[in-house]
C-alpha atoms as a PDB file:
ATOM      1  CA  ILE A   1      88.705 107.469 100.133  1.00  0.00           C
ATOM      2  CA  LEU A   2      86.780 105.082  97.837  1.00  0.00           C
ATOM      3  CA  GLY A   3      89.728 102.753  97.693  1.00  0.00           C
ATOM      4  CA  VAL A   4      89.780 102.498 101.511  1.00  0.00           C
ATOM      5  CA  ALA A   5      86.003 102.134 101.606  1.00  0.00           C
ATOM      6  CA  LEU A   6      85.991  99.398  99.039  1.00  0.00           C
ATOM      7  CA  THR A   7      88.849  97.572 100.827  1.00  0.00           C
ATOM      8  CA  LEU A   8      86.945  97.614 104.081  1.00  0.00           C
ATOM      9  CA  ALA A   9      83.779  96.415 102.516  1.00  0.00           C
ATOM     10  CA  VAL A  10      85.322  93.514 100.686  1.00  0.00           C
ATOM     11  CA  ALA A  11      87.567  92.501 103.638  1.00  0.00           C
ATOM     12  CA  ARG A  12      84.383  92.366 105.847  1.00  0.00           C
ATOM     13  CA  ARG A  13      83.496  89.372 103.698  1.00  0.00           C
ATOM     14  CA  ILE A  14      86.606  87.406 104.400  1.00  0.00           C
ATOM     15  CA  SER A  15      87.828  86.141 107.737  1.00  0.00           C
ATOM     16  CA  ILE A  16      90.139  88.783 109.102  1.00  0.00           C
ATOM     17  CA  LEU A  17      92.382  86.089 110.470  1.00  0.00           C
ATOM     18  CA  ASP A  18      92.645  84.324 107.150  1.00  0.00           C
ATOM     19  CA  LEU A  19      92.956  87.652 105.287  1.00  0.00           C
ATOM     20  CA  SER A  20      95.975  88.697 107.538  1.00  0.00           C
ATOM     21  CA  GLY A  21      97.583  85.524 107.558  1.00  0.00           C
ATOM     22  CA  VAL A  22      97.297  85.196 111.298  1.00  0.00           C
ATOM     23  CA  ARG A  23      95.612  81.939 111.284  1.00  0.00           C
ATOM     24  CA  GLN A  24      98.055  80.389 108.818  1.00  0.00           C
ATOM     25  CA  ALA A  25     100.934  81.683 110.983  1.00  0.00           C
ATOM     26  CA  SER A  26      99.708  80.275 114.042  1.00  0.00           C
ATOM     27  CA  GLY A  27      99.216  76.779 112.686  1.00  0.00           C
ATOM     28  CA  ALA A  28      95.529  76.897 113.339  1.00  0.00           C
ATOM     29  CA  PRO A  29      93.344  75.338 110.735  1.00  0.00           C
ATOM     30  CA  ALA A  30      92.003  77.741 108.036  1.00  0.00           C
ATOM     31  CA  GLY A  31      88.463  78.764 108.471  1.00  0.00           C
ATOM     32  CA  ALA A  32      85.746  77.134 105.983  1.00  0.00           C
ATOM     33  CA  ALA A  33      86.522  78.381 102.560  1.00  0.00           C
ATOM     34  CA  VAL A  34      83.456  80.182 101.063  1.00  0.00           C
ATOM     35  CA  MET A  35      83.557  81.482  97.514  1.00  0.00           C
ATOM     36  CA  THR A  36      81.898  84.893  96.896  1.00  0.00           C
ATOM     37  CA  THR A  37      80.640  85.857  93.625  1.00  0.00           C
ATOM     38  CA  ASP A  38      78.270  88.900  94.607  1.00  0.00           C
ATOM     39  CA  GLY A  39      78.801  92.517  95.476  1.00  0.00           C
ATOM     40  CA  LEU A  40      82.173  93.796  94.264  1.00  0.00           C
ATOM     41  CA  TYR A  41      82.958  90.174  93.439  1.00  0.00           C
ATOM     42  CA  GLY A  42      80.550  90.696  90.788  1.00  0.00           C
ATOM     43  CA  LEU A  43      82.727  93.567  89.332  1.00  0.00           C
ATOM     44  CA  VAL A  44      86.154  92.084  89.274  1.00  0.00           C
ATOM     45  CA  ARG A  45      87.625  88.795  90.640  1.00  0.00           C
ATOM     46  CA  HIS A  46      90.171  90.679  93.014  1.00  0.00           C
ATOM     47  CA  PRO A  47      88.309  93.725  94.337  1.00  0.00           C
ATOM     48  CA  ILE A  48      90.888  94.088  97.170  1.00  0.00           C
ATOM     49  CA  TYR A  49      93.561  94.512  94.494  1.00  0.00           C
ATOM     50  CA  PHE A  50      91.327  96.817  92.725  1.00  0.00           C
ATOM     51  CA  SER A  51      90.582  98.903  95.831  1.00  0.00           C
ATOM     52  CA  TRP A  52      94.436  99.014  96.401  1.00  0.00           C
ATOM     53  CA  LEU A  53      95.040 100.429  92.943  1.00  0.00           C
ATOM     54  CA  LEU A  54      92.447 103.095  93.579  1.00  0.00           C
ATOM     55  CA  ILE A  55      94.298 104.025  96.863  1.00  0.00           C
ATOM     56  CA  VAL A  56      97.790 104.161  95.376  1.00  0.00           C
ATOM     57  CA  TRP A  57      97.020 105.706  91.978  1.00  0.00           C
ATOM     58  CA  GLY A  58      94.315 108.082  93.407  1.00  0.00           C
ATOM     59  CA  THR A  59      96.463 110.512  94.959  1.00  0.00           C
ATOM     60  CA  PRO A  60      95.928 114.047  94.410  1.00  0.00           C
ATOM     61  CA  GLU A  61      99.636 114.640  94.027  1.00  0.00           C
ATOM     62  CA  MET A  62     101.789 112.188  92.420  1.00  0.00           C
ATOM     63  CA  THR A  63     105.371 112.639  93.461  1.00  0.00           C
ATOM     64  CA  GLY A  64     108.221 110.499  92.187  1.00  0.00           C
ATOM     65  CA  THR A  65     108.196 108.377  95.291  1.00  0.00           C
ATOM     66  CA  ARG A  66     104.527 107.750  95.360  1.00  0.00           C
ATOM     67  CA  LEU A  67     104.794 106.830  91.607  1.00  0.00           C
ATOM     68  CA  VAL A  68     107.452 104.315  92.261  1.00  0.00           C
ATOM     69  CA  PHE A  69     105.419 102.893  95.106  1.00  0.00           C
ATOM     70  CA  ALA A  70     102.160 102.710  92.877  1.00  0.00           C
ATOM     71  CA  ALA A  71     103.998 101.052  90.078  1.00  0.00           C
ATOM     72  CA  THR A  72     105.856  98.544  92.263  1.00  0.00           C
ATOM     73  CA  SER A  73     102.573  97.763  94.073  1.00  0.00           C
ATOM     74  CA  THR A  74     100.857  97.244  90.765  1.00  0.00           C
ATOM     75  CA  VAL A  75     103.571  94.909  89.370  1.00  0.00           C
ATOM     76  CA  TYR A  76     103.553  92.826  92.593  1.00  0.00           C
ATOM     77  CA  LEU A  77      99.710  92.404  92.462  1.00  0.00           C
ATOM     78  CA  LEU A  78      99.762  91.425  88.690  1.00  0.00           C
ATOM     79  CA  ILE A  79     102.582  88.887  89.512  1.00  0.00           C
ATOM     80  CA  ALA A  80     100.536  87.531  92.486  1.00  0.00           C
ATOM     81  CA  ILE A  81      97.293  87.017  90.644  1.00  0.00           C
ATOM     82  CA  PRO A  82      98.264  83.874  88.956  1.00  0.00           C
ATOM     83  CA  PHE A  83      99.407  82.252  92.244  1.00  0.00           C
ATOM     84  CA  GLU A  84      96.431  83.196  94.137  1.00  0.00           C
ATOM     85  CA  GLU A  85      94.102  81.973  91.272  1.00  0.00           C
ATOM     86  CA  ARG A  86      95.885  78.662  91.263  1.00  0.00           C
ATOM     87  CA  ASP A  87      95.305  78.358  94.912  1.00  0.00           C
ATOM     88  CA  LEU A  88      91.513  79.330  94.471  1.00  0.00           C
ATOM     89  CA  ARG A  89      91.187  76.691  91.618  1.00  0.00           C
ATOM     90  CA  ARG A  90      92.551  74.083  94.067  1.00  0.00           C
ATOM     91  CA  THR A  91      90.335  75.097  96.921  1.00  0.00           C
ATOM     92  CA  PHE A  92      87.110  75.596  94.929  1.00  0.00           C
ATOM     93  CA  GLY A  93      87.565  73.632  91.578  1.00  0.00           C
ATOM     94  CA  GLN A  94      84.862  73.715  89.172  1.00  0.00           C
ATOM     95  CA  PRO A  95      82.895  76.550  90.801  1.00  0.00           C
ATOM     96  CA  TYR A  96      85.733  78.766  90.555  1.00  0.00           C
ATOM     97  CA  GLU A  97      86.553  77.844  87.019  1.00  0.00           C
ATOM     98  CA  GLN A  98      82.826  78.831  86.136  1.00  0.00           C
ATOM     99  CA  TYR A  99      83.237  82.195  87.904  1.00  0.00           C
ATOM    100  CA  CYS A 100      86.400  82.914  85.978  1.00  0.00           C
ATOM    101  CA  ARG A 101      84.434  82.277  82.865  1.00  0.00           C
ATOM    102  CA  GLN A 102      81.550  84.613  83.846  1.00  0.00           C
ATOM    103  CA  MET A 103      83.906  87.304  85.541  1.00  0.00           C
ATOM    104  CA  ARG A 104      86.573  88.064  82.876  1.00  0.00           C
ATOM    105  CA  TRP A 105      87.905  91.005  84.745  1.00  0.00           C
ATOM    106  CA  LYS A 106      90.670  90.226  87.163  1.00  0.00           C
ATOM    107  CA  ILE A 107      91.396  93.594  88.788  1.00  0.00           C
ATOM    108  CA  ILE A 108      90.302  96.401  86.540  1.00  0.00           C
ATOM    109  CA  PRO A 109      86.647  96.404  85.086  1.00  0.00           C
ATOM    110  CA  TYR A 110      86.532  96.301  81.369  1.00  0.00           C
ATOM    111  CA  VAL A 111      90.447  96.332  81.044  1.00  0.00           C
ATOM    112  CA  TYR A 112      92.082  93.420  82.893  1.00  0.00           C
END
C-alpha cells in the first residue's frame, strides 16, 4: 500500500501525459521540463522506481513467480537508470549534476 501511495504522490508531480509516454507517442511537443528536488526527490533521485520496489518486494507471500517478476523488474530498473540520468543531464545540465552530488541515493535510501 505504501508503494502505491508513494507512486501516486510522485506521479502527481510529473505530467501524466509525459510520464505515460502518450505525449511523445502522439508527436506532440513535450511539456515544459521542470526539475523537482523536494519531497520524495529529497530522499532518492528516482522515487517512482523506489515505490515500484516497495510494491514488488513488499508482497506478503513471495511465490516463485512473484520472485522472478520482482527480480526481473529490479534488474530492468537498474539497467534503465543510467539511460534516464543521461537524458536528465541533457535536459537540465548543471542543476541536475549538482542535484546528483547532493542526492547520492538513486533508488534505495542509504544503499544505492
